[in-house]
Amino acid sequence: MHLLFSILFLLLLLFFFIFIVAGIFGIFRSLFTGNRQKNAVRKTTVSQEPVRRREKFFKEDEGEYVDYEEIDKDAE
């Protein structure tokens, strides 16, 4: 039983160590590359080109409108 708790405790310590190291690397990465990423996002989201209209998927002779006629079920 003591061995099981020791293994679980070591796994828990390993998990926290990896979590802390990943957090430290994340902080350093954001300090050194944060400005470049923000500028790249701004350049890709803002577009100066006009928006083009999409063409129809169907031909002019397809999909004609039909007059709607309501049928009363009580009349039958």
PDB file of N, CA and C in Angstrom:
ATOM      1  N   MET A   1       0.829  -1.189   0.000  1.00  0.00           N
ATOM      2  CA  MET A   1       0.000   0.000   0.000  1.00  0.00           C
ATOM      3  C   MET A   1       0.876   1.256   0.000  1.00  0.00           C
ATOM      4  N   HIS A   2       1.958   1.178   0.761  1.00  0.00           N
ATOM      5  CA  HIS A   2       2.876   2.307   0.830  1.00  0.00           C
ATOM      6  C   HIS A   2       3.505   2.571  -0.545  1.00  0.00           C
ATOM      7  N   LEU A   3       3.788   1.509  -1.289  1.00  0.00           N
ATOM      8  CA  LEU A   3       4.375   1.635  -2.619  1.00  0.00           C
ATOM      9  C   LEU A   3       3.411   2.310  -3.591  1.00  0.00           C
ATOM     10  N   LEU A   4       2.129   1.966  -3.486  1.00  0.00           N
ATOM     11  CA  LEU A   4       1.116   2.569  -4.360  1.00  0.00           C
ATOM     12  C   LEU A   4       1.012   4.069  -4.120  1.00  0.00           C
ATOM     13  N   PHE A   5       0.984   4.477  -2.861  1.00  0.00           N
ATOM     14  CA  PHE A   5       0.929   5.910  -2.549  1.00  0.00           C
ATOM     15  C   PHE A   5       2.195   6.638  -2.985  1.00  0.00           C
ATOM     16  N   SER A   6       3.320   5.977  -2.882  1.00  0.00           N
ATOM     17  CA  SER A   6       4.575   6.587  -3.325  1.00  0.00           C
ATOM     18  C   SER A   6       4.567   6.828  -4.833  1.00  0.00           C
ATOM     19  N   ILE A   7       4.078   5.840  -5.584  1.00  0.00           N
ATOM     20  CA  ILE A   7       4.017   5.992  -7.042  1.00  0.00           C
ATOM     21  C   ILE A   7       3.043   7.101  -7.418  1.00  0.00           C
ATOM     22  N   LEU A   8       1.870   7.136  -6.788  1.00  0.00           N
ATOM     23  CA  LEU A   8       0.896   8.194  -7.070  1.00  0.00           C
ATOM     24  C   LEU A   8       1.455   9.569  -6.719  1.00  0.00           C
ATOM     25  N   PHE A   9       2.161   9.662  -5.611  1.00  0.00           N
ATOM     26  CA  PHE A   9       2.754  10.935  -5.208  1.00  0.00           C
ATOM     27  C   PHE A   9       3.814  11.393  -6.205  1.00  0.00           C
ATOM     28  N   LEU A  10       4.645  10.461  -6.678  1.00  0.00           N
ATOM     29  CA  LEU A  10       5.669  10.811  -7.671  1.00  0.00           C
ATOM     30  C   LEU A  10       5.032  11.245  -8.997  1.00  0.00           C
ATOM     31  N   LEU A  11       3.962  10.570  -9.407  1.00  0.00           N
ATOM     32  CA  LEU A  11       3.258  10.976 -10.628  1.00  0.00           C
ATOM     33  C   LEU A  11       2.636  12.368 -10.477  1.00  0.00           C
ATOM     34  N   LEU A  12       2.105  12.644  -9.302  1.00  0.00           N
ATOM     35  CA  LEU A  12       1.530  13.968  -9.045  1.00  0.00           C
ATOM     36  C   LEU A  12       2.615  15.046  -9.087  1.00  0.00           C
ATOM     37  N   LEU A  13       3.761  14.769  -8.485  1.00  0.00           N
ATOM     38  CA  LEU A  13       4.873  15.726  -8.534  1.00  0.00           C
ATOM     39  C   LEU A  13       5.358  15.942  -9.966  1.00  0.00           C
ATOM     40  N   LEU A  14       5.433  14.856 -10.741  1.00  0.00           N
ATOM     41  CA  LEU A  14       5.853  14.963 -12.134  1.00  0.00           C
ATOM     42  C   LEU A  14       4.864  15.808 -12.940  1.00  0.00           C
ATOM     43  N   PHE A  15       3.571  15.603 -12.701  1.00  0.00           N
ATOM     44  CA  PHE A  15       2.540  16.389 -13.384  1.00  0.00           C
ATOM     45  C   PHE A  15       2.689  17.873 -13.074  1.00  0.00           C
ATOM     46  N   PHE A  16       2.839  18.218 -11.808  1.00  0.00           N
ATOM     47  CA  PHE A  16       2.984  19.626 -11.442  1.00  0.00           C
ATOM     48  C   PHE A  16       4.277  20.219 -11.995  1.00  0.00           C
ATOM     49  N   PHE A  17       5.353  19.447 -12.013  1.00  0.00           N
ATOM     50  CA  PHE A  17       6.613  19.934 -12.571  1.00  0.00           C
ATOM     51  C   PHE A  17       6.451  20.248 -14.060  1.00  0.00           C
ATOM     52  N   ILE A  18       5.834  19.341 -14.806  1.00  0.00           N
ATOM     53  CA  ILE A  18       5.621  19.577 -16.243  1.00  0.00           C
ATOM     54  C   ILE A  18       4.711  20.781 -16.448  1.00  0.00           C
ATOM     55  N   PHE A  19       3.669  20.914 -15.630  1.00  0.00           N
ATOM     56  CA  PHE A  19       2.740  22.050 -15.727  1.00  0.00           C
ATOM     57  C   PHE A  19       3.460  23.375 -15.482  1.00  0.00           C
ATOM     58  N   ILE A  20       4.318  23.416 -14.479  1.00  0.00           N
ATOM     59  CA  ILE A  20       5.043  24.649 -14.151  1.00  0.00           C
ATOM     60  C   ILE A  20       6.057  24.988 -15.237  1.00  0.00           C
ATOM     61  N   VAL A  21       6.786  23.988 -15.743  1.00  0.00           N
ATOM     62  CA  VAL A  21       7.778  24.226 -16.804  1.00  0.00           C
ATOM     63  C   VAL A  21       7.074  24.716 -18.072  1.00  0.00           C
ATOM     64  N   ALA A  22       5.937  24.125 -18.420  1.00  0.00           N
ATOM     65  CA  ALA A  22       5.192  24.567 -19.603  1.00  0.00           C
ATOM     66  C   ALA A  22       4.699  26.001 -19.431  1.00  0.00           C
ATOM     67  N   GLY A  23       4.292  26.358 -18.226  1.00  0.00           N
ATOM     68  CA  GLY A  23       3.856  27.727 -17.967  1.00  0.00           C
ATOM     69  C   GLY A  23       4.997  28.723 -18.103  1.00  0.00           C
ATOM     70  N   ILE A  24       6.172  28.360 -17.627  1.00  0.00           N
ATOM     71  CA  ILE A  24       7.341  29.243 -17.736  1.00  0.00           C
ATOM     72  C   ILE A  24       7.723  29.430 -19.203  1.00  0.00           C
ATOM     73  N   PHE A  25       7.727  28.325 -19.973  1.00  0.00           N
ATOM     74  CA  PHE A  25       8.026  28.454 -21.407  1.00  0.00           C
ATOM     75  C   PHE A  25       6.974  29.293 -22.121  1.00  0.00           C
ATOM     76  N   GLY A  26       5.725  29.174 -21.716  1.00  0.00           N
ATOM     77  CA  GLY A  26       4.660  29.982 -22.319  1.00  0.00           C
ATOM     78  C   GLY A  26       4.856  31.468 -22.054  1.00  0.00           C
ATOM     79  N   ILE A  27       5.298  31.789 -20.848  1.00  0.00           N
ATOM     80  CA  ILE A  27       5.549  33.195 -20.504  1.00  0.00           C
ATOM     81  C   ILE A  27       6.702  33.741 -21.338  1.00  0.00           C
ATOM     82  N   PHE A  28       7.787  32.981 -21.446  1.00  0.00           N
ATOM     83  CA  PHE A  28       8.920  33.440 -22.256  1.00  0.00           C
ATOM     84  C   PHE A  28       8.540  33.573 -23.731  1.00  0.00           C
ATOM     85  N   ARG A  29       7.757  32.630 -24.238  1.00  0.00           N
ATOM     86  CA  ARG A  29       7.339  32.698 -25.633  1.00  0.00           C
ATOM     87  C   ARG A  29       6.470  33.930 -25.889  1.00  0.00           C
ATOM     88  N   SER A  30       5.572  34.239 -24.971  1.00  0.00           N
ATOM     89  CA  SER A  30       4.718  35.414 -25.166  1.00  0.00           C
ATOM     90  C   SER A  30       5.519  36.712 -25.050  1.00  0.00           C
ATOM     91  N   LEU A  31       6.570  36.711 -24.223  1.00  0.00           N
ATOM     92  CA  LEU A  31       7.392  37.919 -24.100  1.00  0.00           C
ATOM     93  C   LEU A  31       8.194  38.190 -25.370  1.00  0.00           C
ATOM     94  N   PHE A  32       8.720  37.143 -25.991  1.00  0.00           N
ATOM     95  CA  PHE A  32       9.601  37.331 -27.128  1.00  0.00           C
ATOM     96  C   PHE A  32       8.893  37.311 -28.484  1.00  0.00           C
ATOM     97  N   THR A  33       7.731  36.667 -28.590  1.00  0.00           N
ATOM     98  CA  THR A  33       7.052  36.587 -29.886  1.00  0.00           C
ATOM     99  C   THR A  33       5.675  37.219 -29.873  1.00  0.00           C
ATOM    100  N   GLY A  34       5.257  37.810 -28.793  1.00  0.00           N
ATOM    101  CA  GLY A  34       3.902  38.353 -28.687  1.00  0.00           C
ATOM    102  C   GLY A  34       3.617  39.463 -29.666  1.00  0.00           C
ATOM    103  N   ASN A  35       4.568  40.370 -29.885  1.00  0.00           N
ATOM    104  CA  ASN A  35       4.338  41.521 -30.755  1.00  0.00           C
ATOM    105  C   ASN A  35       4.205  41.096 -32.213  1.00  0.00           C
ATOM    106  N   ARG A  36       4.997  40.138 -32.651  1.00  0.00           N
ATOM    107  CA  ARG A  36       4.933  39.674 -34.037  1.00  0.00           C
ATOM    108  C   ARG A  36       3.610  38.977 -34.321  1.00  0.00           C
ATOM    109  N   GLN A  37       3.117  38.201 -33.383  1.00  0.00           N
ATOM    110  CA  GLN A  37       1.865  37.493 -33.595  1.00  0.00           C
ATOM    111  C   GLN A  37       0.696  38.465 -33.657  1.00  0.00           C
ATOM    112  N   LYS A  38       0.706  39.500 -32.845  1.00  0.00           N
ATOM    113  CA  LYS A  38      -0.388  40.474 -32.877  1.00  0.00           C
ATOM    114  C   LYS A  38      -0.416  41.205 -34.207  1.00  0.00           C
ATOM    115  N   ASN A  39       0.740  41.572 -34.734  1.00  0.00           N
ATOM    116  CA  ASN A  39       0.780  42.253 -36.024  1.00  0.00           C
ATOM    117  C   ASN A  39       0.344  41.324 -37.147  1.00  0.00           C
ATOM    118  N   ALA A  40       0.688  40.068 -37.082  1.00  0.00           N
ATOM    119  CA  ALA A  40       0.294  39.115 -38.119  1.00  0.00           C
ATOM    120  C   ALA A  40      -1.212  38.921 -38.124  1.00  0.00           C
ATOM    121  N   VAL A  41      -1.829  38.904 -36.948  1.00  0.00           N
ATOM    122  CA  VAL A  41      -3.283  38.741 -36.875  1.00  0.00           C
ATOM    123  C   VAL A  41      -3.972  39.967 -37.450  1.00  0.00           C
ATOM    124  N   ARG A  42      -3.473  41.139 -37.169  1.00  0.00           N
ATOM    125  CA  ARG A  42      -4.079  42.362 -37.699  1.00  0.00           C
ATOM    126  C   ARG A  42      -3.992  42.418 -39.217  1.00  0.00           C
ATOM    127  N   LYS A  43      -2.884  41.975 -39.773  1.00  0.00           N
ATOM    128  CA  LYS A  43      -2.713  42.026 -41.224  1.00  0.00           C
ATOM    129  C   LYS A  43      -3.647  41.057 -41.926  1.00  0.00           C
ATOM    130  N   THR A  44      -3.892  39.914 -41.333  1.00  0.00           N
ATOM    131  CA  THR A  44      -4.734  38.925 -42.003  1.00  0.00           C
ATOM    132  C   THR A  44      -6.218  39.228 -41.852  1.00  0.00           C
ATOM    133  N   THR A  45      -6.625  39.900 -40.778  1.00  0.00           N
ATOM    134  CA  THR A  45      -8.049  40.134 -40.570  1.00  0.00           C
ATOM    135  C   THR A  45      -8.552  41.364 -41.309  1.00  0.00           C
ATOM    136  N   VAL A  46      -7.709  42.357 -41.521  1.00  0.00           N
ATOM    137  CA  VAL A  46      -8.131  43.580 -42.188  1.00  0.00           C
ATOM    138  C   VAL A  46      -7.802  43.460 -43.667  1.00  0.00           C
ATOM    139  N   SER A  47      -8.812  43.585 -44.495  1.00  0.00           N
ATOM    140  CA  SER A  47      -8.613  43.464 -45.928  1.00  0.00           C
ATOM    141  C   SER A  47      -9.117  44.721 -46.613  1.00  0.00           C
ATOM    142  N   GLN A  48      -8.345  45.240 -47.552  1.00  0.00           N
ATOM    143  CA  GLN A  48      -8.717  46.446 -48.267  1.00  0.00           C
ATOM    144  C   GLN A  48      -9.433  46.136 -49.582  1.00  0.00           C
ATOM    145  N   GLU A  49      -9.506  44.850 -49.964  1.00  0.00           N
ATOM    146  CA  GLU A  49     -10.139  44.486 -51.218  1.00  0.00           C
ATOM    147  C   GLU A  49     -11.658  44.531 -51.071  1.00  0.00           C
ATOM    148  N   PRO A  50     -12.345  44.973 -52.117  1.00  0.00           N
ATOM    149  CA  PRO A  50     -13.810  44.974 -52.040  1.00  0.00           C
ATOM    150  C   PRO A  50     -14.348  43.540 -52.052  1.00  0.00           C
ATOM    151  N   VAL A  51     -15.484  43.360 -51.424  1.00  0.00           N
ATOM    152  CA  VAL A  51     -16.083  42.040 -51.355  1.00  0.00           C
ATOM    153  C   VAL A  51     -16.773  41.747 -52.674  1.00  0.00           C
ATOM    154  N   ARG A  52     -16.441  40.597 -53.277  1.00  0.00           N
ATOM    155  CA  ARG A  52     -17.054  40.210 -54.541  1.00  0.00           C
ATOM    156  C   ARG A  52     -18.351  39.467 -54.269  1.00  0.00           C
ATOM    157  N   ARG A  53     -19.333  39.733 -55.115  1.00  0.00           N
ATOM    158  CA  ARG A  53     -20.601  39.021 -54.992  1.00  0.00           C
ATOM    159  C   ARG A  53     -20.443  37.632 -55.583  1.00  0.00           C
ATOM    160  N   ARG A  54     -21.060  36.672 -54.949  1.00  0.00           N
ATOM    161  CA  ARG A  54     -20.993  35.303 -55.436  1.00  0.00           C
ATOM    162  C   ARG A  54     -22.009  35.117 -56.560  1.00  0.00           C
ATOM    163  N   GLU A  55     -21.625  34.283 -57.508  1.00  0.00           N
ATOM    164  CA  GLU A  55     -22.529  33.991 -58.607  1.00  0.00           C
ATOM    165  C   GLU A  55     -23.557  32.963 -58.165  1.00  0.00           C
ATOM    166  N   LYS A  56     -24.689  32.903 -58.891  1.00  0.00           N
ATOM    167  CA  LYS A  56     -25.738  31.953 -58.572  1.00  0.00           C
ATOM    168  C   LYS A  56     -25.264  30.539 -58.883  1.00  0.00           C
ATOM    169  N   PHE A  57     -25.784  29.608 -58.129  1.00  0.00           N
ATOM    170  CA  PHE A  57     -25.435  28.210 -58.336  1.00  0.00           C
ATOM    171  C   PHE A  57     -26.357  27.545 -59.362  1.00  0.00           C
ATOM    172  N   PHE A  58     -27.449  28.205 -59.710  1.00  0.00           N
ATOM    173  CA  PHE A  58     -28.395  27.608 -60.638  1.00  0.00           C
ATOM    174  C   PHE A  58     -28.567  28.524 -61.848  1.00  0.00           C
ATOM    175  N   LYS A  59     -29.107  27.956 -62.912  1.00  0.00           N
ATOM    176  CA  LYS A  59     -29.283  28.712 -64.148  1.00  0.00           C
ATOM    177  C   LYS A  59     -30.522  29.591 -64.054  1.00  0.00           C
ATOM    178  N   GLU A  60     -30.680  30.484 -65.023  1.00  0.00           N
ATOM    179  CA  GLU A  60     -31.815  31.404 -65.035  1.00  0.00           C
ATOM    180  C   GLU A  60     -33.141  30.676 -65.223  1.00  0.00           C
ATOM    181  N   ASP A  61     -33.159  29.571 -65.987  1.00  0.00           N
ATOM    182  CA  ASP A  61     -34.419  28.881 -66.254  1.00  0.00           C
ATOM    183  C   ASP A  61     -34.782  27.860 -65.176  1.00  0.00           C
ATOM    184  N   GLU A  62     -33.958  27.674 -64.189  1.00  0.00           N
ATOM    185  CA  GLU A  62     -34.246  26.742 -63.110  1.00  0.00           C
ATOM    186  C   GLU A  62     -34.897  27.456 -61.939  1.00  0.00           C
ATOM    187  N   GLY A  63     -35.803  26.770 -61.259  1.00  0.00           N
ATOM    188  CA  GLY A  63     -36.393  27.293 -60.030  1.00  0.00           C
ATOM    189  C   GLY A  63     -37.401  28.389 -60.246  1.00  0.00           C
ATOM    190  N   GLU A  64     -38.463  28.119 -60.999  1.00  0.00           N
ATOM    191  CA  GLU A  64     -39.504  29.124 -61.210  1.00  0.00           C
ATOM    192  C   GLU A  64     -40.412  29.193 -59.993  1.00  0.00           C
ATOM    193  N   TYR A  65     -40.976  30.363 -59.750  1.00  0.00           N
ATOM    194  CA  TYR A  65     -41.915  30.540 -58.647  1.00  0.00           C
ATOM    195  C   TYR A  65     -43.293  30.056 -59.074  1.00  0.00           C
ATOM    196  N   VAL A  66     -44.018  29.440 -58.133  1.00  0.00           N
ATOM    197  CA  VAL A  66     -45.361  28.929 -58.383  1.00  0.00           C
ATOM    198  C   VAL A  66     -46.304  29.627 -57.427  1.00  0.00           C
ATOM    199  N   ASP A  67     -47.531  29.954 -57.919  1.00  0.00           N
ATOM    200  CA  ASP A  67     -48.526  30.586 -57.051  1.00  0.00           C
ATOM    201  C   ASP A  67     -48.880  29.636 -55.910  1.00  0.00           C
ATOM    202  N   TYR A  68     -49.015  30.191 -54.717  1.00  0.00           N
ATOM    203  CA  TYR A  68     -49.334  29.403 -53.534  1.00  0.00           C
ATOM    204  C   TYR A  68     -50.841  29.370 -53.357  1.00  0.00           C
ATOM    205  N   GLU A  69     -51.365  28.178 -53.158  1.00  0.00           N
ATOM    206  CA  GLU A  69     -52.793  28.042 -52.948  1.00  0.00           C
ATOM    207  C   GLU A  69     -53.013  27.247 -51.676  1.00  0.00           C
ATOM    208  N   GLU A  70     -53.725  27.826 -50.721  1.00  0.00           N
ATOM    209  CA  GLU A  70     -53.976  27.164 -49.446  1.00  0.00           C
ATOM    210  C   GLU A  70     -55.185  26.248 -49.583  1.00  0.00           C
ATOM    211  N   ILE A  71     -55.076  25.030 -49.126  1.00  0.00           N
ATOM    212  CA  ILE A  71     -56.151  24.068 -49.206  1.00  0.00           C
ATOM    213  C   ILE A  71     -56.756  23.928 -47.812  1.00  0.00           C
ATOM    214  N   ASP A  72     -58.041  24.108 -47.738  1.00  0.00           N
ATOM    215  CA  ASP A  72     -58.745  24.011 -46.438  1.00  0.00           C
ATOM    216  C   ASP A  72     -59.109  22.559 -46.194  1.00  0.00           C
ATOM    217  N   LYS A  73     -58.634  21.983 -45.106  1.00  0.00           N
ATOM    218  CA  LYS A  73     -58.881  20.584 -44.806  1.00  0.00           C
ATOM    219  C   LYS A  73     -60.327  20.344 -44.355  1.00  0.00           C
ATOM    220  N   ASP A  74     -60.952  21.357 -43.803  1.00  0.00           N
ATOM    221  CA  ASP A  74     -62.331  21.212 -43.317  1.00  0.00           C
ATOM    222  C   ASP A  74     -63.348  21.143 -44.443  1.00  0.00           C
ATOM    223  N   ALA A  75     -63.016  21.636 -45.615  1.00  0.00           N
ATOM    224  CA  ALA A  75     -63.960  21.676 -46.737  1.00  0.00           C
ATOM    225  C   ALA A  75     -64.176  20.297 -47.337  1.00  0.00           C
ATOM    226  N   GLU A  76     -63.302  19.380 -47.128  1.00  0.00           N
ATOM    227  CA  GLU A  76     -63.450  18.042 -47.734  1.00  0.00           C
ATOM    228  C   GLU A  76     -64.456  17.179 -47.047  1.00  0.00           C
TER     229      GLU A  76
END
